[in-house]
Amino acid sequence: MQDTSFVIKYWISTDTPLAFPDLDGVEEFRAEMSSSYLAVVKGRPAGAGGVASLWIEIVSSISLTHLAQLLLDGIAFDLIKSGAHSFILRPFLNAYRKLKDKNRERHLEIQEIKIEFQDCILVLHSLYSAPILDNLEAVLRSIAGNWNDLRLTSGELPFEIHISVLEDTTESKTAKFRVIGEIDETITSDGAKDYFGYWGIIYDRALQRRVYDVNQRMLIDEPFHTLNEHWAEVERRMTARS
């Protein structure tokens, strides 16, 4: 499956960074990933306290447009083959579940999955109360069902999709819609349903950022902030007041 590659990075909370305690079973996980994909798995120490967090980047030889059609045709979401190309997630999902089971006390979770398809970048931000892998199939099938509604009147399809973004109604908001994190947050998620509320969409050629209302199946003329953009704006405001 060399047409799908993985880079998996993780941070382990520890107060001994020079010899941090690695994940239990990580060598078996690394071997399983390497037997199925071109894969890099590497960890780094982080500050003491908290959970062990994973960031996953996937590069696929298939387009999201093609993937969406295959899902609409009823193909299993984790075992997609089409001609010379494939997008097979089952070995990764099986290996990750075993790794997570061996690290229960560390509360191992995936923070973000970034998938670079041939025509679009999909960034899945995990919600604290609803891990992204538990909802991955439903999210991918929702994208497939909404794919044509993400097209601009010019015909342009998304260059990048962020799932999910939440509406920020606080007085201190940096944007009406944004990605949320876990630390020092002013807004909270309502759980898995937020994966199917609002999506942040970037159009490359049109130089536009829009928000897609999944329930209304329509694009909203509103921009959105990524988490880094949100905190950069918070810092800019604090600097301006000092």
Protein backbone atom coordinates (compact mmCIF):
# COMPACT_ATOMS: atom_id res chain seq x y z
CA MET A 1 0.00 0.00 0.00
CA GLN A 2 2.75 2.39 -0.93
CA ASP A 3 0.16 4.77 -2.39
CA THR A 4 -0.78 5.71 1.19
CA SER A 5 1.82 7.03 3.60
CA PHE A 6 1.68 7.99 7.28
CA VAL A 7 3.65 10.33 9.52
CA ILE A 8 2.61 9.78 13.13
CA LYS A 9 4.02 12.09 15.78
CA TYR A 10 3.23 11.90 19.44
CA TRP A 11 4.07 13.81 22.59
CA ILE A 12 4.34 12.04 25.93
CA SER A 13 3.79 13.91 29.18
CA THR A 14 6.82 13.37 31.41
CA ASP A 15 9.04 15.11 33.96
CA THR A 16 12.11 13.18 32.71
CA PRO A 17 12.54 14.38 29.10
CA LEU A 18 16.05 12.95 28.67
CA ALA A 19 14.73 9.43 29.05
CA PHE A 20 10.98 9.73 28.64
CA PRO A 21 8.88 6.57 29.04
CA ASP A 22 7.80 5.58 25.53
CA LEU A 23 4.39 4.18 24.68
CA ASP A 24 3.83 0.56 25.59
CA GLY A 25 3.80 -1.56 22.44
CA VAL A 26 5.06 1.23 20.20
CA GLU A 27 7.63 -1.01 18.49
CA GLU A 28 4.91 -3.50 17.54
CA PHE A 29 2.79 -0.59 16.31
CA ARG A 30 5.70 0.76 14.28
CA ALA A 31 6.31 -2.68 12.73
CA GLU A 32 2.63 -3.14 11.84
CA MET A 33 2.47 0.28 10.22
CA SER A 34 5.66 -0.31 8.23
CA SER A 35 4.36 -3.64 6.95
CA SER A 36 1.33 -1.96 5.40
CA TYR A 37 2.45 1.60 4.57
CA LEU A 38 5.37 3.88 4.04
CA ALA A 39 5.29 5.08 7.65
CA VAL A 40 7.21 7.22 10.12
CA VAL A 41 6.32 6.89 13.82
CA LYS A 42 8.21 9.04 16.31
CA GLY A 43 7.65 10.40 19.78
CA ARG A 44 8.88 13.38 21.79
CA PRO A 45 8.63 14.36 25.46
CA ALA A 46 6.23 17.05 26.62
CA GLY A 47 5.58 18.70 29.96
CA ALA A 48 4.42 16.62 32.90
CA GLY A 49 0.70 16.01 33.24
CA GLY A 50 -1.99 15.50 30.63
CA VAL A 51 -2.44 12.77 28.02
CA ALA A 52 -0.28 11.18 25.37
CA SER A 53 -1.31 12.92 22.15
CA LEU A 54 -0.92 11.86 18.52
CA TRP A 55 -0.87 13.98 15.37
CA ILE A 56 -1.31 12.01 12.16
CA GLU A 57 -0.54 13.06 8.59
CA ILE A 58 -1.66 10.85 5.72
CA VAL A 59 -0.80 11.29 2.04
CA SER A 60 -3.01 9.45 -0.44
CA SER A 61 -2.74 8.86 -4.17
CA ILE A 62 -6.52 9.07 -4.52
CA SER A 63 -8.57 12.26 -4.86
CA LEU A 64 -11.24 13.23 -2.36
CA THR A 65 -13.64 13.65 -5.28
CA HIS A 66 -13.09 10.02 -6.27
CA LEU A 67 -13.23 8.84 -2.66
CA ALA A 68 -16.56 10.59 -2.18
CA GLN A 69 -18.06 8.82 -5.17
CA LEU A 70 -16.77 5.43 -4.03
CA LEU A 71 -18.32 5.96 -0.60
CA LEU A 72 -21.62 6.94 -2.20
CA ASP A 73 -21.41 3.72 -4.20
CA GLY A 74 -21.27 1.79 -0.92
CA ILE A 75 -17.57 0.90 -0.68
CA ALA A 76 -16.30 0.16 2.85
CA PHE A 77 -14.72 3.35 4.15
CA ASP A 78 -11.60 1.60 5.50
CA LEU A 79 -10.86 -0.65 2.52
CA ILE A 80 -11.09 1.42 -0.66
CA LYS A 81 -9.50 0.14 -3.84
CA SER A 82 -10.01 1.64 -7.28
CA GLY A 83 -7.85 0.64 -10.20
CA ALA A 84 -4.20 1.23 -9.41
CA HIS A 85 -5.01 3.39 -6.38
CA SER A 86 -6.24 2.65 -2.90
CA PHE A 87 -7.05 4.30 0.40
CA ILE A 88 -6.88 1.49 2.91
CA LEU A 89 -7.19 2.46 6.55
CA ARG A 90 -8.01 -0.91 8.11
CA PRO A 91 -4.42 -1.91 9.03
CA PHE A 92 -3.85 1.48 10.67
CA LEU A 93 -7.14 1.33 12.59
CA ASN A 94 -6.39 -2.18 13.86
CA ALA A 95 -2.83 -1.26 14.88
CA TYR A 96 -3.95 1.93 16.64
CA ARG A 97 -6.67 0.17 18.63
CA LYS A 98 -4.09 -2.29 19.97
CA LEU A 99 -1.69 0.55 20.83
CA LYS A 100 -4.45 2.49 22.59
CA ASP A 101 -5.50 -0.61 24.55
CA LYS A 102 -1.92 -1.08 25.79
CA ASN A 103 -1.78 2.54 26.97
CA ARG A 104 -5.09 2.92 28.76
CA GLU A 105 -3.57 4.60 31.79
CA ARG A 106 -2.01 7.27 29.56
CA HIS A 107 -5.34 8.15 27.95
CA LEU A 108 -3.83 7.93 24.48
CA GLU A 109 -5.79 10.07 22.01
CA ILE A 110 -5.43 11.41 18.49
CA GLN A 111 -5.53 15.21 18.42
CA GLU A 112 -5.56 15.73 14.67
CA ILE A 113 -5.66 13.77 11.42
CA LYS A 114 -4.52 15.59 8.30
CA ILE A 115 -5.15 13.77 5.01
CA GLU A 116 -3.57 15.16 1.85
CA PHE A 117 -5.64 13.87 -1.05
CA GLN A 118 -4.67 14.66 -4.64
CA ASP A 119 -7.22 17.47 -4.88
CA CYS A 120 -7.97 18.54 -1.31
CA ILE A 121 -6.51 18.62 2.20
CA LEU A 122 -8.81 17.31 4.91
CA VAL A 123 -8.00 18.30 8.49
CA LEU A 124 -9.95 16.48 11.20
CA HIS A 125 -9.72 18.08 14.64
CA SER A 126 -10.61 15.67 17.43
CA LEU A 127 -13.09 16.87 20.03
CA TYR A 128 -12.20 16.06 23.62
CA SER A 129 -15.57 14.47 24.38
CA ALA A 130 -15.81 12.57 21.08
CA PRO A 131 -12.56 11.11 19.65
CA ILE A 132 -12.27 11.52 15.91
CA LEU A 133 -11.61 7.85 15.13
CA ASP A 134 -14.91 6.89 16.75
CA ASN A 135 -16.62 9.14 14.22
CA LEU A 136 -14.32 8.80 11.20
CA GLU A 137 -16.60 6.66 9.05
CA ALA A 138 -19.60 8.92 9.65
CA VAL A 139 -17.51 12.03 8.89
CA LEU A 140 -16.15 10.64 5.62
CA ARG A 141 -19.61 9.55 4.51
CA SER A 142 -20.99 12.97 5.44
CA ILE A 143 -18.31 14.62 3.28
CA ALA A 144 -19.30 12.33 0.41
CA GLY A 145 -22.96 13.24 0.80
CA ASN A 146 -22.23 16.97 0.91
CA TRP A 147 -19.38 17.09 -1.61
CA ASN A 148 -21.24 18.71 -4.50
CA ASP A 149 -22.74 21.35 -2.18
CA LEU A 150 -19.22 22.50 -1.29
CA ARG A 151 -18.70 23.71 -4.86
CA LEU A 152 -18.64 27.47 -5.48
CA THR A 153 -20.80 28.94 -8.24
CA SER A 154 -17.60 29.14 -10.30
CA GLY A 155 -17.32 25.36 -10.05
CA GLU A 156 -14.31 25.42 -7.71
CA LEU A 157 -14.18 22.69 -5.08
CA PRO A 158 -12.43 23.08 -1.71
CA PHE A 159 -8.67 23.21 -1.44
CA GLU A 160 -8.83 22.53 2.31
CA ILE A 161 -11.57 21.42 4.72
CA HIS A 162 -11.40 21.76 8.51
CA ILE A 163 -13.77 19.58 10.56
CA SER A 164 -15.07 20.81 12.77
CA VAL A 165 -15.38 24.50 13.53
CA LEU A 166 -17.65 25.83 16.26
CA GLU A 167 -19.52 29.09 16.59
CA ASP A 168 -18.00 31.40 19.19
CA THR A 169 -20.64 33.65 20.77
CA THR A 170 -18.40 35.06 23.51
CA GLU A 171 -17.65 38.78 23.66
CA SER A 172 -13.93 38.09 23.32
CA LYS A 173 -14.25 36.04 20.13
CA THR A 174 -11.55 36.44 17.48
CA ALA A 175 -13.86 35.15 14.74
CA LYS A 176 -17.47 33.98 14.65
CA PHE A 177 -16.34 30.46 13.77
CA ARG A 178 -13.15 28.67 14.72
CA VAL A 179 -11.42 25.44 15.58
CA ILE A 180 -11.28 24.80 19.33
CA GLY A 181 -8.59 23.28 21.53
CA GLU A 182 -8.47 21.80 25.02
CA ILE A 183 -6.49 24.38 27.00
CA ASP A 184 -7.82 27.77 28.18
CA GLU A 185 -10.92 27.42 26.02
CA THR A 186 -13.85 29.83 26.25
CA ILE A 187 -16.22 27.58 24.29
CA THR A 188 -16.97 23.88 24.65
CA SER A 189 -18.13 21.14 22.33
CA ASP A 190 -21.48 19.40 22.56
CA GLY A 191 -19.89 16.12 21.50
CA ALA A 192 -19.94 14.10 18.29
CA LYS A 193 -22.74 16.14 16.71
CA ASP A 194 -20.30 19.03 16.32
CA TYR A 195 -18.50 17.07 13.58
CA PHE A 196 -21.68 17.54 11.56
CA GLY A 197 -22.48 21.15 12.41
CA TYR A 198 -20.06 23.55 10.71
CA TRP A 199 -16.99 22.95 8.55
CA GLY A 200 -14.30 25.48 7.66
CA ILE A 201 -13.61 25.63 3.93
CA ILE A 202 -10.67 27.20 2.07
CA TYR A 203 -10.88 27.87 -1.68
CA ASP A 204 -7.47 28.37 -3.25
CA ARG A 205 -8.19 30.01 -6.59
CA ALA A 206 -11.04 32.17 -5.30
CA LEU A 207 -8.92 33.24 -2.29
CA GLN A 208 -11.92 32.70 -0.03
CA ARG A 209 -12.62 31.22 3.36
CA ARG A 210 -16.18 30.11 4.00
CA VAL A 211 -18.11 28.14 6.59
CA TYR A 212 -20.33 25.28 5.50
CA ASP A 213 -23.52 24.63 7.46
CA VAL A 214 -23.89 20.85 7.23
CA ASN A 215 -27.48 20.77 8.49
CA GLN A 216 -28.63 23.45 6.05
CA ARG A 217 -26.36 22.13 3.27
CA MET A 218 -25.22 25.64 2.42
CA LEU A 219 -22.12 27.82 2.41
CA ILE A 220 -22.15 30.78 4.80
CA ASP A 221 -20.35 33.97 3.86
CA GLU A 222 -18.22 33.90 7.02
CA PRO A 223 -14.48 33.25 7.50
CA PHE A 224 -13.09 31.01 10.24
CA HIS A 225 -9.94 30.80 12.34
CA THR A 226 -7.73 27.79 12.84
CA LEU A 227 -6.60 27.29 16.43
CA ASN A 228 -3.20 28.83 15.70
CA GLU A 229 -4.85 31.86 14.11
CA HIS A 230 -7.17 32.24 17.08
CA TRP A 231 -4.34 32.26 19.63
CA ALA A 232 -2.22 34.54 17.43
CA GLU A 233 -5.07 37.06 17.46
CA VAL A 234 -5.49 36.69 21.22
CA GLU A 235 -1.76 37.40 21.66
CA ARG A 236 -1.92 40.38 19.28
CA ARG A 237 -4.74 41.90 21.32
CA MET A 238 -2.87 41.36 24.58
CA THR A 239 0.26 42.97 23.13
CA ALA A 240 -1.76 45.93 21.86
CA ARG A 241 -3.22 46.53 25.34
CA SER A 242 0.13 46.34 27.14
